[in-house]
Amino acid sequence: MKRNNAPLPSFLALFRQVPLLLFSCLLIASCSEDALEPSIDFTSPYALTDNPSDAVRHACYEIYEQYGVPVFFNDTVASYSAGTDHYGNVLTRYETLDLNWNFQSHDRGKVVYRFDYIREPVDQLQALGFARRFLGRASKKMRPFSMMLADSLHVGSSTPIYHSGFRTLVMTQLGGMSDEQMDSCATAILQGMVLDRVKLNTDLVARFGAVSDKEKYYNRPWVTDGQNGGLGCQWGLEHKGTYWRPQDLWAEGIADKYILYNMYTFVTTPEEFEAERALIFREIGRFGFICGSRSYDSMMAHLYSPENINEDLEYFVQQMLLLGRTEFMARYGESALVKRKFNILAEYIEGELGVAL
């Protein structure tokens, strides 16, 4: 086919150049003006600035500079002039900490949060000690976007000690709290935050649960009577006329004092305690478990394996963060199934969340 090399009509060529001409005109016009004053303030109220003459503000700035997390004592963090209304009244907009955000959605204000503030500088400085302790323990990926320290938080009729949301961690009731208590609270909050992240990963939870769920080990009696579908565990040795119950041996508080409860209270030696606990963990570890069901009352808890994947998962994460890899493996690691479940969780907790075990 013969190619047509005829020039484009002049009006079509001009049309193609219109965008370029318009841009050139705008550029020339802008260059002819004096430097324009910015009409939008791009500063963020979450980027804290220092004030060395204010001890509280200076301490907040030091925390922000070190960890990148702003700490507030009021849920209103900034106010802006939004011009005037039709009648000339000044309009003001407020930037507030919105606790209705969670990790999957926004509650659209359905939940009302009310605060009692920490107002005295000496109390605010003491409360900042918790912020330092918490952020010092949290990996970079586990640090909240912002923190608020309050005297109390009211959610309906309840007054929780803390609230861990998608954007803000609120901590309350810090007045008179010792360093040890602050450490304990920081650890508990981090455990809850890690568990929340783990539960959101549905593939991870499914792989973890499949280890024990494949053979339907959940919510079954530990001991079989031949007809109850039990798992066939054999419990420990008789001690002073009674048998130790399994939940007595996996309870952390009891382990510390070596006091076991079974109709009567008696004391045993650390060596006896550890030997009996090792036997119990060997039995339940065959099914990938490190604890029994906690859905029953204290007299029944030893009778069943964990009720479901969620209950099993919660205790695994709690113990992994409480004990760390070395002690966890020393206590539970004889079981191949337990090690498999540990590794599934540890890969995510250490690799994705940056939390060391």
Protein backbone atom coordinates (compact mmCIF):
# COMPACT_ATOMS: atom_id res chain seq x y z
CA MET A 1 0.00 0.00 0.00
CA LYS A 2 1.28 3.46 -0.87
CA ARG A 3 1.97 5.50 2.22
CA ASN A 4 0.31 8.92 2.37
CA ASN A 5 2.91 11.51 3.43
CA ALA A 6 0.63 14.52 3.05
CA PRO A 7 0.98 17.04 5.93
CA LEU A 8 -1.73 17.23 8.56
CA PRO A 9 -4.24 20.00 8.12
CA SER A 10 -3.07 23.10 9.93
CA PHE A 11 -6.06 23.23 12.33
CA LEU A 12 -5.41 19.62 13.43
CA ALA A 13 -1.75 20.33 14.09
CA LEU A 14 -2.71 23.37 16.14
CA PHE A 15 -5.23 21.29 18.12
CA ARG A 16 -2.54 18.82 19.04
CA GLN A 17 -0.42 21.68 20.43
CA VAL A 18 -3.19 23.21 22.60
CA PRO A 19 -2.22 21.39 25.85
CA LEU A 20 1.39 22.50 25.39
CA LEU A 21 0.32 26.09 24.72
CA LEU A 22 -1.94 26.19 27.77
CA PHE A 23 0.82 24.81 30.00
CA SER A 24 3.26 27.41 28.63
CA CYS A 25 0.84 30.24 29.34
CA LEU A 26 0.27 29.06 32.89
CA LEU A 27 4.00 28.71 33.46
CA ILE A 28 4.68 32.24 32.16
CA ALA A 29 1.90 33.66 34.31
CA SER A 30 3.17 31.95 37.42
CA CYS A 31 6.72 33.12 36.83
CA SER A 32 5.56 36.69 36.45
CA GLU A 33 3.98 36.68 39.92
CA ASP A 34 5.88 37.31 43.12
CA ALA A 35 6.58 34.25 45.29
CA LEU A 36 3.20 32.97 46.43
CA GLU A 37 2.45 32.48 50.10
CA PRO A 38 1.54 28.83 50.84
CA SER A 39 -2.21 28.49 51.32
CA ILE A 40 -2.07 25.03 52.94
CA ASP A 41 -0.29 24.16 56.17
CA PHE A 42 1.39 20.79 55.68
CA THR A 43 2.77 20.52 59.20
CA SER A 44 1.47 17.59 61.24
CA PRO A 45 0.33 17.83 64.87
CA TYR A 46 1.84 14.37 65.33
CA ALA A 47 5.35 15.67 64.57
CA LEU A 48 6.33 16.96 68.00
CA THR A 49 8.65 19.92 68.49
CA ASP A 50 10.88 20.60 71.46
CA ASN A 51 10.42 23.13 74.21
CA PRO A 52 13.33 22.84 76.67
CA SER A 53 11.64 25.24 79.10
CA ASP A 54 8.66 22.85 79.48
CA ALA A 55 9.79 19.66 81.24
CA VAL A 56 6.81 17.58 80.06
CA ARG A 57 6.94 18.74 76.46
CA HIS A 58 10.71 18.24 76.39
CA ALA A 59 10.34 14.68 77.73
CA CYS A 60 7.65 13.93 75.11
CA TYR A 61 9.96 15.27 72.40
CA GLU A 62 12.84 13.07 73.56
CA ILE A 63 10.59 10.00 73.32
CA TYR A 64 9.37 11.09 69.88
CA GLU A 65 12.91 11.71 68.67
CA GLN A 66 14.08 8.28 69.85
CA TYR A 67 11.11 6.12 68.85
CA GLY A 68 9.12 8.19 66.35
CA VAL A 69 5.94 7.89 68.44
CA PRO A 70 4.15 11.04 69.69
CA VAL A 71 2.79 10.81 73.25
CA PHE A 72 -0.19 12.94 74.30
CA PHE A 73 -2.07 13.70 77.50
CA ASN A 74 -5.20 14.93 75.71
CA ASP A 75 -7.23 13.34 72.92
CA THR A 76 -7.47 16.73 71.16
CA VAL A 77 -4.03 17.14 69.65
CA ALA A 78 -4.54 20.29 67.53
CA SER A 79 -7.07 22.92 66.40
CA TYR A 80 -7.22 24.79 63.09
CA SER A 81 -8.96 27.92 61.87
CA ALA A 82 -11.39 26.95 59.12
CA GLY A 83 -12.42 30.48 58.14
CA THR A 84 -15.79 31.95 58.99
CA ASP A 85 -19.38 30.98 58.39
CA HIS A 86 -22.07 33.00 56.60
CA TYR A 87 -22.55 35.17 59.68
CA GLY A 88 -18.87 35.87 60.22
CA ASN A 89 -18.42 33.44 63.10
CA VAL A 90 -15.00 31.85 63.32
CA LEU A 91 -14.98 28.16 62.43
CA THR A 92 -12.52 25.84 64.15
CA ARG A 93 -11.59 22.29 63.22
CA TYR A 94 -10.09 19.86 65.74
CA GLU A 95 -7.66 16.99 65.26
CA THR A 96 -8.50 14.26 67.76
CA LEU A 97 -7.28 10.76 68.52
CA ASP A 98 -9.91 8.49 66.99
CA LEU A 99 -10.12 5.23 68.94
CA ASN A 100 -12.86 3.86 66.70
CA TRP A 101 -10.26 2.59 64.24
CA ASN A 102 -9.47 -1.11 64.58
CA PHE A 103 -7.27 -3.33 62.45
CA GLN A 104 -10.00 -4.15 59.93
CA SER A 105 -12.54 -1.32 59.92
CA HIS A 106 -13.89 1.80 61.61
CA ASP A 107 -16.70 1.65 64.15
CA ARG A 108 -18.14 4.94 62.81
CA GLY A 109 -18.44 6.39 66.28
CA LYS A 110 -20.60 3.59 67.63
CA VAL A 111 -18.34 3.28 70.67
CA VAL A 112 -17.96 6.38 72.85
CA TYR A 113 -14.67 6.86 74.66
CA ARG A 114 -14.36 9.33 77.55
CA PHE A 115 -11.20 10.33 79.41
CA ASP A 116 -10.11 11.70 82.74
CA TYR A 117 -6.85 13.49 82.02
CA ILE A 118 -3.54 13.52 83.89
CA ARG A 119 -3.17 17.21 84.60
CA GLU A 120 -0.29 17.67 87.05
CA PRO A 121 3.18 17.89 85.40
CA VAL A 122 4.76 15.69 88.08
CA ASP A 123 2.19 12.96 87.37
CA GLN A 124 2.65 13.36 83.62
CA LEU A 125 6.41 12.91 83.94
CA GLN A 126 5.90 9.75 85.98
CA ALA A 127 3.46 8.39 83.40
CA LEU A 128 5.99 9.00 80.63
CA GLY A 129 8.13 6.37 82.34
CA PHE A 130 5.65 3.77 81.08
CA ALA A 131 5.89 5.09 77.51
CA ARG A 132 9.67 4.69 77.61
CA ARG A 133 9.45 1.18 79.02
CA PHE A 134 6.82 0.05 76.53
CA LEU A 135 8.48 1.51 73.44
CA GLY A 136 11.85 0.18 74.57
CA ARG A 137 10.40 -3.35 74.49
CA ALA A 138 8.37 -3.02 71.30
CA SER A 139 9.96 -3.73 67.95
CA LYS A 140 9.69 -0.95 65.35
CA LYS A 141 6.82 -2.75 63.62
CA MET A 142 4.93 -3.17 66.89
CA ARG A 143 5.09 0.45 67.96
CA PRO A 144 1.76 2.29 67.77
CA PHE A 145 1.30 5.36 65.56
CA SER A 146 0.63 7.41 68.71
CA MET A 147 0.15 6.99 72.45
CA MET A 148 -2.09 8.67 74.98
CA LEU A 149 -1.55 8.58 78.74
CA ALA A 150 -4.70 9.25 80.79
CA ASP A 151 -5.83 8.98 84.36
CA SER A 152 -8.79 6.81 83.32
CA LEU A 153 -10.64 5.66 80.20
CA HIS A 154 -14.40 5.05 80.17
CA VAL A 155 -15.93 2.78 77.54
CA GLY A 156 -19.59 2.51 78.40
CA SER A 157 -19.73 1.25 81.97
CA SER A 158 -16.22 -0.24 81.92
CA THR A 159 -12.88 1.40 82.74
CA PRO A 160 -10.16 -0.66 81.01
CA ILE A 161 -6.55 -0.16 82.04
CA TYR A 162 -5.49 0.12 78.41
CA HIS A 163 -6.86 0.24 74.89
CA SER A 164 -4.80 -0.95 71.95
CA GLY A 165 -6.27 0.25 68.66
CA PHE A 166 -5.08 0.52 65.08
CA ARG A 167 -3.61 4.01 65.48
CA THR A 168 -3.40 4.73 69.20
CA LEU A 169 -2.40 2.93 72.37
CA VAL A 170 -4.08 4.39 75.47
CA MET A 171 -2.65 3.57 78.89
CA THR A 172 -4.35 4.60 82.16
CA GLN A 173 -4.15 4.23 85.93
CA LEU A 174 -0.40 4.83 86.02
CA GLY A 175 -0.45 6.87 89.21
CA GLY A 176 1.59 5.14 91.91
CA MET A 177 2.49 2.23 89.61
CA SER A 178 5.91 0.76 90.39
CA ASP A 179 8.57 0.10 87.75
CA GLU A 180 7.92 -3.63 88.08
CA GLN A 181 4.20 -3.13 87.51
CA MET A 182 4.90 -0.94 84.47
CA ASP A 183 7.15 -3.67 83.07
CA SER A 184 4.44 -6.27 83.64
CA CYS A 185 1.78 -4.11 81.94
CA ALA A 186 4.07 -3.41 78.98
CA THR A 187 4.69 -7.14 78.50
CA ALA A 188 0.98 -7.98 78.74
CA ILE A 189 0.05 -5.31 76.19
CA LEU A 190 2.71 -6.49 73.75
CA GLN A 191 1.46 -10.06 74.10
CA GLY A 192 -2.04 -8.92 73.24
CA MET A 193 -0.83 -6.86 70.28
CA VAL A 194 1.18 -9.77 68.86
CA LEU A 195 -1.81 -12.11 69.30
CA ASP A 196 -4.04 -9.61 67.46
CA ARG A 197 -1.63 -9.52 64.51
CA VAL A 198 -1.32 -13.30 64.44
CA LYS A 199 -5.10 -13.80 64.44
CA LEU A 200 -5.48 -11.45 61.48
CA ASN A 201 -3.25 -13.72 59.38
CA THR A 202 -5.80 -16.37 58.44
CA ASP A 203 -3.33 -18.49 56.49
CA LEU A 204 -0.96 -18.58 59.47
CA VAL A 205 -3.76 -19.57 61.86
CA ALA A 206 -4.94 -22.29 59.48
CA ARG A 207 -1.45 -23.81 59.18
CA PHE A 208 -1.00 -23.69 62.95
CA GLY A 209 -4.37 -25.30 63.64
CA ALA A 210 -3.99 -28.01 61.01
CA VAL A 211 -1.19 -29.66 63.02
CA SER A 212 -3.58 -30.79 65.79
CA ASP A 213 -6.87 -30.49 63.95
CA LYS A 214 -5.98 -32.93 61.19
CA GLU A 215 -6.63 -35.90 63.46
CA LYS A 216 -9.39 -34.07 65.39
CA TYR A 217 -7.44 -33.69 68.64
CA TYR A 218 -9.35 -30.61 69.84
CA ASN A 219 -11.97 -30.71 72.62
CA ARG A 220 -11.47 -34.35 73.53
CA PRO A 221 -10.96 -35.99 76.94
CA TRP A 222 -7.31 -36.57 77.78
CA VAL A 223 -7.98 -39.96 79.36
CA THR A 224 -10.07 -42.61 77.66
CA ASP A 225 -12.55 -44.89 79.33
CA GLY A 226 -12.86 -46.92 76.14
CA GLN A 227 -15.99 -45.15 74.97
CA ASN A 228 -15.58 -41.41 75.50
CA GLY A 229 -13.28 -40.77 72.53
CA GLY A 230 -10.40 -39.87 74.82
CA LEU A 231 -6.86 -39.33 73.57
CA GLY A 232 -5.34 -41.99 75.81
CA CYS A 233 -3.10 -39.91 78.06
CA GLN A 234 -1.70 -41.45 81.23
CA TRP A 235 -1.31 -39.08 84.15
CA GLY A 236 1.37 -38.96 86.77
CA LEU A 237 2.41 -40.71 89.91
CA GLU A 238 0.45 -40.82 93.12
CA HIS A 239 1.67 -38.26 95.63
CA LYS A 240 0.68 -38.40 99.28
CA GLY A 241 -2.54 -40.23 98.57
CA THR A 242 -3.65 -37.97 95.71
CA TYR A 243 -2.89 -37.48 92.05
CA TRP A 244 -1.56 -34.24 90.66
CA ARG A 245 -3.91 -32.65 88.21
CA PRO A 246 -2.37 -31.53 84.90
CA GLN A 247 -3.54 -27.92 85.18
CA ASP A 248 -1.68 -27.68 88.47
CA LEU A 249 1.51 -28.32 86.56
CA TRP A 250 1.11 -25.92 83.67
CA ALA A 251 0.01 -22.97 85.79
CA GLU A 252 2.83 -20.43 85.99
CA GLY A 253 1.99 -19.03 89.42
CA ILE A 254 1.94 -22.48 90.93
CA ALA A 255 5.20 -23.39 89.29
CA ASP A 256 6.91 -20.48 91.00
CA LYS A 257 5.90 -21.62 94.49
CA TYR A 258 5.76 -25.38 93.91
CA ILE A 259 2.35 -25.51 95.53
CA LEU A 260 -0.14 -27.92 93.99
CA TYR A 261 -3.85 -28.09 94.64
CA ASN A 262 -5.85 -31.29 94.56
CA MET A 263 -8.54 -31.38 97.26
CA TYR A 264 -5.77 -30.56 99.71
CA THR A 265 -2.84 -28.16 99.53
CA PHE A 266 0.61 -29.65 99.76
CA VAL A 267 4.13 -28.61 98.95
CA THR A 268 6.59 -30.55 96.87
CA THR A 269 10.23 -30.04 95.92
CA PRO A 270 11.27 -28.25 92.73
CA GLU A 271 12.78 -31.50 91.45
CA GLU A 272 9.54 -33.45 91.96
CA PHE A 273 7.56 -30.66 90.40
CA GLU A 274 9.70 -30.48 87.24
CA ALA A 275 9.76 -34.27 86.83
CA GLU A 276 5.98 -34.54 87.06
CA ARG A 277 5.47 -31.59 84.75
CA ALA A 278 7.81 -33.12 82.17
CA LEU A 279 5.71 -36.29 82.23
CA ILE A 280 2.49 -34.34 81.69
CA PHE A 281 3.96 -32.32 78.81
CA ARG A 282 5.27 -35.49 77.21
CA GLU A 283 1.77 -36.95 77.23
CA ILE A 284 -0.13 -33.97 75.86
CA GLY A 285 2.74 -33.04 73.52
CA ARG A 286 2.03 -36.16 71.48
CA PHE A 287 -1.00 -34.27 70.17
CA GLY A 288 0.76 -30.92 69.73
CA PHE A 289 -0.54 -29.32 72.92
CA ILE A 290 1.15 -27.45 75.78
CA CYS A 291 -1.99 -26.83 77.84
CA GLY A 292 -5.48 -28.17 78.42
CA SER A 293 -8.79 -26.43 77.92
CA ARG A 294 -9.40 -23.32 79.97
CA SER A 295 -13.03 -23.08 78.90
CA TYR A 296 -14.15 -25.27 81.80
CA ASP A 297 -14.12 -24.41 85.48
CA SER A 298 -11.06 -25.22 87.57
CA MET A 299 -12.37 -28.63 88.60
CA MET A 300 -12.91 -29.70 84.98
CA ALA A 301 -10.04 -28.01 83.15
CA HIS A 302 -7.80 -31.06 83.29
CA LEU A 303 -10.32 -33.30 81.55
CA TYR A 304 -10.14 -31.93 77.99
CA SER A 305 -7.68 -30.84 75.36
CA PRO A 306 -8.01 -27.21 74.11
CA GLU A 307 -11.53 -26.52 72.95
CA ASN A 308 -10.53 -25.08 69.57
CA ILE A 309 -7.70 -23.59 67.52
CA ASN A 310 -8.22 -20.12 68.98
CA GLU A 311 -7.78 -21.29 72.57
CA ASP A 312 -4.70 -23.30 71.62
CA LEU A 313 -3.23 -20.36 69.69
CA GLU A 314 -3.67 -17.90 72.56
CA TYR A 315 -1.77 -20.06 75.02
CA PHE A 316 1.01 -20.77 72.53
CA VAL A 317 1.60 -17.07 71.81
CA GLN A 318 1.42 -16.20 75.50
CA GLN A 319 4.00 -18.79 76.48
CA MET A 320 6.29 -18.06 73.53
CA LEU A 321 6.52 -14.39 74.48
CA LEU A 322 6.69 -15.10 78.21
CA LEU A 323 9.38 -17.79 78.09
CA GLY A 324 11.34 -17.06 74.91
CA ARG A 325 12.64 -19.64 72.48
CA THR A 326 15.23 -21.33 74.71
CA GLU A 327 13.04 -21.84 77.77
CA PHE A 328 9.98 -22.73 75.69
CA MET A 329 11.90 -25.49 73.94
CA ALA A 330 13.39 -26.74 77.20
CA ARG A 331 9.91 -27.09 78.65
CA TYR A 332 7.83 -28.24 75.68
CA GLY A 333 10.24 -29.00 72.84
CA GLU A 334 10.37 -32.78 73.21
CA SER A 335 7.25 -33.02 71.05
CA ALA A 336 7.74 -32.87 67.27
CA LEU A 337 4.22 -31.50 66.80
CA VAL A 338 4.76 -28.76 69.38
CA LYS A 339 8.00 -27.74 67.67
CA ARG A 340 6.20 -27.62 64.32
CA LYS A 341 3.52 -25.30 65.70
CA PHE A 342 6.16 -23.15 67.43
CA ASN A 343 8.13 -22.73 64.20
CA ILE A 344 5.02 -21.76 62.23
CA LEU A 345 4.32 -18.93 64.68
CA ALA A 346 7.95 -17.96 65.31
CA GLU A 347 8.64 -17.39 61.62
CA TYR A 348 5.90 -14.76 61.51
CA ILE A 349 6.45 -13.22 64.97
CA GLU A 350 10.19 -12.80 64.48
CA GLY A 351 10.31 -12.26 60.69
CA GLU A 352 7.24 -10.12 60.07
CA LEU A 353 6.67 -8.44 63.43
CA GLY A 354 10.31 -8.12 64.43
CA VAL A 355 9.68 -9.48 67.94
CA ALA A 356 12.63 -11.48 69.23
CA LEU A 357 11.92 -14.79 70.95
